[in-house]
Amino acid sequence: MNRASAYALLASELEACRRLPWLRLVDLIGQKPVEKLVVVDGEELLLEVQATWASAKRSSVHVTAIAYGPSHLTMERLEERLTIAMNGSRAA
């Protein structure tokens, strides 16, 4: 797996989650990870995205994106996490 391309994909997925309306983001919490197969640099990667509460006050959400792909004789796993706080403009 091309790590630079995989990390760019993870960053793109996390940014897409950051742009979601707050209620849509909260809907992802407690659900099974969203999975999709994508082709990056000619390699098929499995991408998983999952959301959890980041605080007991439920005022922020952790979004975790994981990419699984082939590496030399093994399966490689890359993970990135983003914390998204609710603010007044996101409440709707």
N, C-alpha and C. Protein backbone atom coordinates (compact mmCIF):
# COMPACT_ATOMS: atom_id res chain seq x y z
N MET A 1 0.85 -1.17 0.00
CA MET A 1 0.00 0.00 0.00
C MET A 1 0.89 1.23 0.00
N ASN A 2 0.54 2.17 -0.82
CA ASN A 2 1.25 3.44 -0.84
C ASN A 2 0.75 4.26 0.35
N ARG A 3 1.59 4.38 1.36
CA ARG A 3 1.18 5.02 2.61
C ARG A 3 0.76 6.48 2.42
N ALA A 4 1.47 7.21 1.61
CA ALA A 4 1.14 8.63 1.40
C ALA A 4 -0.25 8.76 0.77
N SER A 5 -0.54 7.94 -0.20
CA SER A 5 -1.86 7.98 -0.84
C SER A 5 -2.95 7.53 0.12
N ALA A 6 -2.65 6.52 0.93
CA ALA A 6 -3.64 6.01 1.89
C ALA A 6 -3.93 7.07 2.95
N TYR A 7 -2.89 7.75 3.43
CA TYR A 7 -3.12 8.81 4.42
C TYR A 7 -3.91 9.97 3.81
N ALA A 8 -3.66 10.28 2.54
CA ALA A 8 -4.44 11.34 1.86
C ALA A 8 -5.91 10.94 1.79
N LEU A 9 -6.17 9.66 1.52
CA LEU A 9 -7.55 9.17 1.48
C LEU A 9 -8.20 9.29 2.86
N LEU A 10 -7.47 8.91 3.91
CA LEU A 10 -8.01 9.02 5.27
C LEU A 10 -8.32 10.48 5.61
N ALA A 11 -7.41 11.37 5.26
CA ALA A 11 -7.62 12.80 5.54
C ALA A 11 -8.85 13.32 4.79
N SER A 12 -9.04 12.87 3.58
CA SER A 12 -10.19 13.28 2.79
C SER A 12 -11.50 12.79 3.42
N GLU A 13 -11.51 11.56 3.89
CA GLU A 13 -12.71 11.00 4.54
C GLU A 13 -13.02 11.75 5.84
N LEU A 14 -11.99 12.04 6.62
CA LEU A 14 -12.21 12.77 7.87
C LEU A 14 -12.73 14.18 7.60
N GLU A 15 -12.21 14.83 6.57
CA GLU A 15 -12.68 16.17 6.22
C GLU A 15 -14.14 16.13 5.77
N ALA A 16 -14.52 15.07 5.05
CA ALA A 16 -15.93 14.93 4.64
C ALA A 16 -16.82 14.79 5.87
N CYS A 17 -16.35 14.07 6.88
CA CYS A 17 -17.12 13.93 8.13
C CYS A 17 -17.21 15.27 8.86
N ARG A 18 -16.14 16.04 8.84
CA ARG A 18 -16.13 17.35 9.50
C ARG A 18 -17.21 18.27 8.90
N ARG A 19 -17.49 18.12 7.61
CA ARG A 19 -18.46 18.97 6.94
C ARG A 19 -19.90 18.50 7.12
N LEU A 20 -20.11 17.32 7.70
CA LEU A 20 -21.47 16.82 7.91
C LEU A 20 -22.22 17.68 8.91
N PRO A 21 -23.53 17.82 8.74
CA PRO A 21 -24.33 18.48 9.77
C PRO A 21 -24.22 17.68 11.08
N TRP A 22 -24.31 18.38 12.19
CA TRP A 22 -24.13 17.74 13.50
C TRP A 22 -25.04 16.53 13.70
N LEU A 23 -26.31 16.66 13.35
CA LEU A 23 -27.25 15.55 13.56
C LEU A 23 -26.89 14.34 12.71
N ARG A 24 -26.39 14.56 11.51
CA ARG A 24 -25.96 13.43 10.66
C ARG A 24 -24.73 12.76 11.26
N LEU A 25 -23.82 13.55 11.79
CA LEU A 25 -22.63 13.00 12.43
C LEU A 25 -23.02 12.17 13.65
N VAL A 26 -23.93 12.68 14.46
CA VAL A 26 -24.38 11.97 15.66
C VAL A 26 -25.08 10.66 15.27
N ASP A 27 -25.77 10.64 14.13
CA ASP A 27 -26.42 9.41 13.66
C ASP A 27 -25.42 8.28 13.44
N LEU A 28 -24.16 8.60 13.17
CA LEU A 28 -23.15 7.57 12.92
C LEU A 28 -22.69 6.88 14.21
N ILE A 29 -22.92 7.52 15.36
CA ILE A 29 -22.46 6.97 16.63
C ILE A 29 -23.26 5.72 16.97
N GLY A 30 -22.54 4.68 17.36
CA GLY A 30 -23.18 3.42 17.74
C GLY A 30 -23.51 2.51 16.57
N GLN A 31 -23.27 2.99 15.36
CA GLN A 31 -23.51 2.17 14.18
C GLN A 31 -22.28 1.34 13.84
N LYS A 32 -22.50 0.30 13.05
CA LYS A 32 -21.35 -0.46 12.55
C LYS A 32 -20.49 0.47 11.71
N PRO A 33 -19.19 0.23 11.64
CA PRO A 33 -18.34 1.08 10.80
C PRO A 33 -18.85 1.09 9.36
N VAL A 34 -18.81 2.26 8.75
CA VAL A 34 -19.13 2.37 7.33
C VAL A 34 -17.92 1.86 6.57
N GLU A 35 -18.13 0.87 5.70
CA GLU A 35 -17.03 0.27 4.95
C GLU A 35 -17.22 0.51 3.46
N LYS A 36 -16.11 0.74 2.78
CA LYS A 36 -16.16 0.81 1.32
C LYS A 36 -14.81 0.41 0.75
N LEU A 37 -14.88 -0.19 -0.42
CA LEU A 37 -13.66 -0.55 -1.14
C LEU A 37 -13.34 0.58 -2.11
N VAL A 38 -12.09 0.99 -2.11
CA VAL A 38 -11.64 2.04 -3.02
C VAL A 38 -10.34 1.58 -3.68
N VAL A 39 -10.09 2.08 -4.86
CA VAL A 39 -8.84 1.78 -5.56
C VAL A 39 -7.97 3.03 -5.50
N VAL A 40 -6.78 2.84 -4.94
CA VAL A 40 -5.81 3.94 -4.80
C VAL A 40 -4.50 3.46 -5.39
N ASP A 41 -3.98 4.18 -6.36
CA ASP A 41 -2.73 3.81 -7.03
C ASP A 41 -2.77 2.37 -7.53
N GLY A 42 -3.92 1.96 -8.04
CA GLY A 42 -4.05 0.62 -8.60
C GLY A 42 -4.21 -0.49 -7.57
N GLU A 43 -4.29 -0.14 -6.30
CA GLU A 43 -4.46 -1.14 -5.23
C GLU A 43 -5.83 -0.96 -4.58
N GLU A 44 -6.45 -2.08 -4.28
CA GLU A 44 -7.75 -2.05 -3.62
C GLU A 44 -7.54 -1.93 -2.11
N LEU A 45 -8.18 -0.91 -1.52
CA LEU A 45 -8.09 -0.69 -0.08
C LEU A 45 -9.49 -0.78 0.52
N LEU A 46 -9.56 -1.30 1.73
CA LEU A 46 -10.81 -1.29 2.49
C LEU A 46 -10.73 -0.10 3.43
N LEU A 47 -11.73 0.75 3.36
CA LEU A 47 -11.79 1.94 4.20
C LEU A 47 -12.94 1.79 5.18
N GLU A 48 -12.67 2.02 6.46
CA GLU A 48 -13.71 1.99 7.50
C GLU A 48 -13.75 3.34 8.20
N VAL A 49 -14.97 3.82 8.46
CA VAL A 49 -15.15 5.07 9.19
C VAL A 49 -16.17 4.82 10.29
N GLN A 50 -15.82 5.23 11.52
CA GLN A 50 -16.71 5.03 12.66
C GLN A 50 -16.67 6.26 13.56
N ALA A 51 -17.80 6.54 14.22
CA ALA A 51 -17.89 7.70 15.11
C ALA A 51 -18.26 7.24 16.52
N THR A 52 -17.68 7.91 17.52
CA THR A 52 -17.98 7.67 18.93
C THR A 52 -18.00 9.01 19.65
N TRP A 53 -18.68 9.05 20.79
CA TRP A 53 -18.65 10.28 21.59
C TRP A 53 -17.24 10.49 22.11
N ALA A 54 -16.78 11.73 22.10
CA ALA A 54 -15.44 12.07 22.58
C ALA A 54 -15.47 12.57 24.01
N SER A 55 -16.68 12.94 24.48
CA SER A 55 -16.77 13.48 25.83
C SER A 55 -18.07 13.03 26.49
N ALA A 56 -18.05 12.97 27.80
CA ALA A 56 -19.25 12.58 28.54
C ALA A 56 -20.39 13.59 28.34
N LYS A 57 -20.05 14.82 28.05
CA LYS A 57 -21.06 15.86 27.83
C LYS A 57 -21.70 15.77 26.45
N ARG A 58 -21.18 14.87 25.62
CA ARG A 58 -21.68 14.68 24.25
C ARG A 58 -21.64 15.97 23.44
N SER A 59 -20.55 16.69 23.62
CA SER A 59 -20.38 17.94 22.89
C SER A 59 -19.32 17.82 21.80
N SER A 60 -18.72 16.64 21.69
CA SER A 60 -17.75 16.41 20.62
C SER A 60 -17.75 14.93 20.25
N VAL A 61 -17.32 14.68 19.03
CA VAL A 61 -17.35 13.34 18.45
C VAL A 61 -15.96 12.98 17.93
N HIS A 62 -15.53 11.74 18.21
CA HIS A 62 -14.32 11.20 17.59
C HIS A 62 -14.75 10.49 16.32
N VAL A 63 -14.09 10.79 15.23
CA VAL A 63 -14.30 10.04 13.99
C VAL A 63 -12.98 9.36 13.67
N THR A 64 -13.04 8.05 13.50
CA THR A 64 -11.86 7.25 13.20
C THR A 64 -11.98 6.69 11.80
N ALA A 65 -10.94 6.88 11.00
CA ALA A 65 -10.89 6.33 9.64
C ALA A 65 -9.70 5.37 9.58
N ILE A 66 -9.96 4.18 9.07
CA ILE A 66 -8.92 3.14 8.99
C ILE A 66 -8.86 2.64 7.55
N ALA A 67 -7.65 2.50 7.03
CA ALA A 67 -7.44 1.93 5.70
C ALA A 67 -6.67 0.62 5.85
N TYR A 68 -7.17 -0.42 5.21
CA TYR A 68 -6.51 -1.72 5.17
C TYR A 68 -6.10 -1.97 3.73
N GLY A 69 -4.85 -2.37 3.54
CA GLY A 69 -4.40 -2.64 2.18
C GLY A 69 -3.19 -3.55 2.16
N PRO A 70 -2.84 -4.03 0.97
CA PRO A 70 -1.74 -4.97 0.86
C PRO A 70 -0.39 -4.31 1.11
N SER A 71 0.48 -5.08 1.71
CA SER A 71 1.86 -4.68 1.91
C SER A 71 2.69 -5.93 1.63
N HIS A 72 3.96 -5.83 1.71
CA HIS A 72 4.82 -6.97 1.40
C HIS A 72 4.53 -8.13 2.37
N LEU A 73 3.89 -9.18 1.89
CA LEU A 73 3.58 -10.41 2.62
C LEU A 73 2.64 -10.22 3.81
N THR A 74 1.95 -9.11 3.88
CA THR A 74 1.06 -8.87 5.02
C THR A 74 -0.04 -7.88 4.62
N MET A 75 -0.98 -7.67 5.52
CA MET A 75 -2.01 -6.65 5.34
C MET A 75 -1.63 -5.48 6.23
N GLU A 76 -1.59 -4.30 5.65
CA GLU A 76 -1.20 -3.11 6.41
C GLU A 76 -2.45 -2.37 6.86
N ARG A 77 -2.35 -1.72 8.03
CA ARG A 77 -3.47 -0.97 8.60
C ARG A 77 -2.98 0.41 8.99
N LEU A 78 -3.66 1.44 8.46
CA LEU A 78 -3.34 2.83 8.81
C LEU A 78 -4.57 3.46 9.42
N GLU A 79 -4.39 4.25 10.47
CA GLU A 79 -5.52 4.84 11.18
C GLU A 79 -5.27 6.31 11.48
N GLU A 80 -6.31 7.09 11.31
CA GLU A 80 -6.28 8.51 11.68
C GLU A 80 -7.57 8.82 12.41
N ARG A 81 -7.51 9.77 13.34
CA ARG A 81 -8.68 10.15 14.12
C ARG A 81 -8.81 11.66 14.16
N LEU A 82 -10.07 12.09 14.16
CA LEU A 82 -10.38 13.51 14.21
C LEU A 82 -11.43 13.73 15.29
N THR A 83 -11.26 14.78 16.09
CA THR A 83 -12.29 15.14 17.08
C THR A 83 -13.01 16.37 16.56
N ILE A 84 -14.34 16.27 16.51
CA ILE A 84 -15.16 17.35 15.98
C ILE A 84 -16.06 17.85 17.11
N ALA A 85 -15.93 19.12 17.44
CA ALA A 85 -16.74 19.72 18.50
C ALA A 85 -18.00 20.35 17.91
N MET A 86 -19.09 20.26 18.65
CA MET A 86 -20.30 20.93 18.21
C MET A 86 -20.14 22.43 18.50
N ASN A 87 -20.59 23.23 17.57
CA ASN A 87 -20.64 24.67 17.82
C ASN A 87 -22.00 25.14 17.32
N GLY A 88 -22.34 26.35 17.58
CA GLY A 88 -23.64 26.89 17.24
C GLY A 88 -24.05 26.73 15.79
N SER A 89 -23.09 26.87 14.88
CA SER A 89 -23.41 26.79 13.46
C SER A 89 -23.62 25.34 13.01
N ARG A 90 -23.19 24.38 13.80
CA ARG A 90 -23.34 22.97 13.43
C ARG A 90 -24.58 22.33 14.05
N ALA A 91 -25.23 22.99 14.95
CA ALA A 91 -26.31 22.38 15.70
C ALA A 91 -27.47 21.89 14.84
N ALA A 92 -27.71 22.47 13.71
CA ALA A 92 -28.84 22.06 12.87
C ALA A 92 -28.51 20.87 12.00
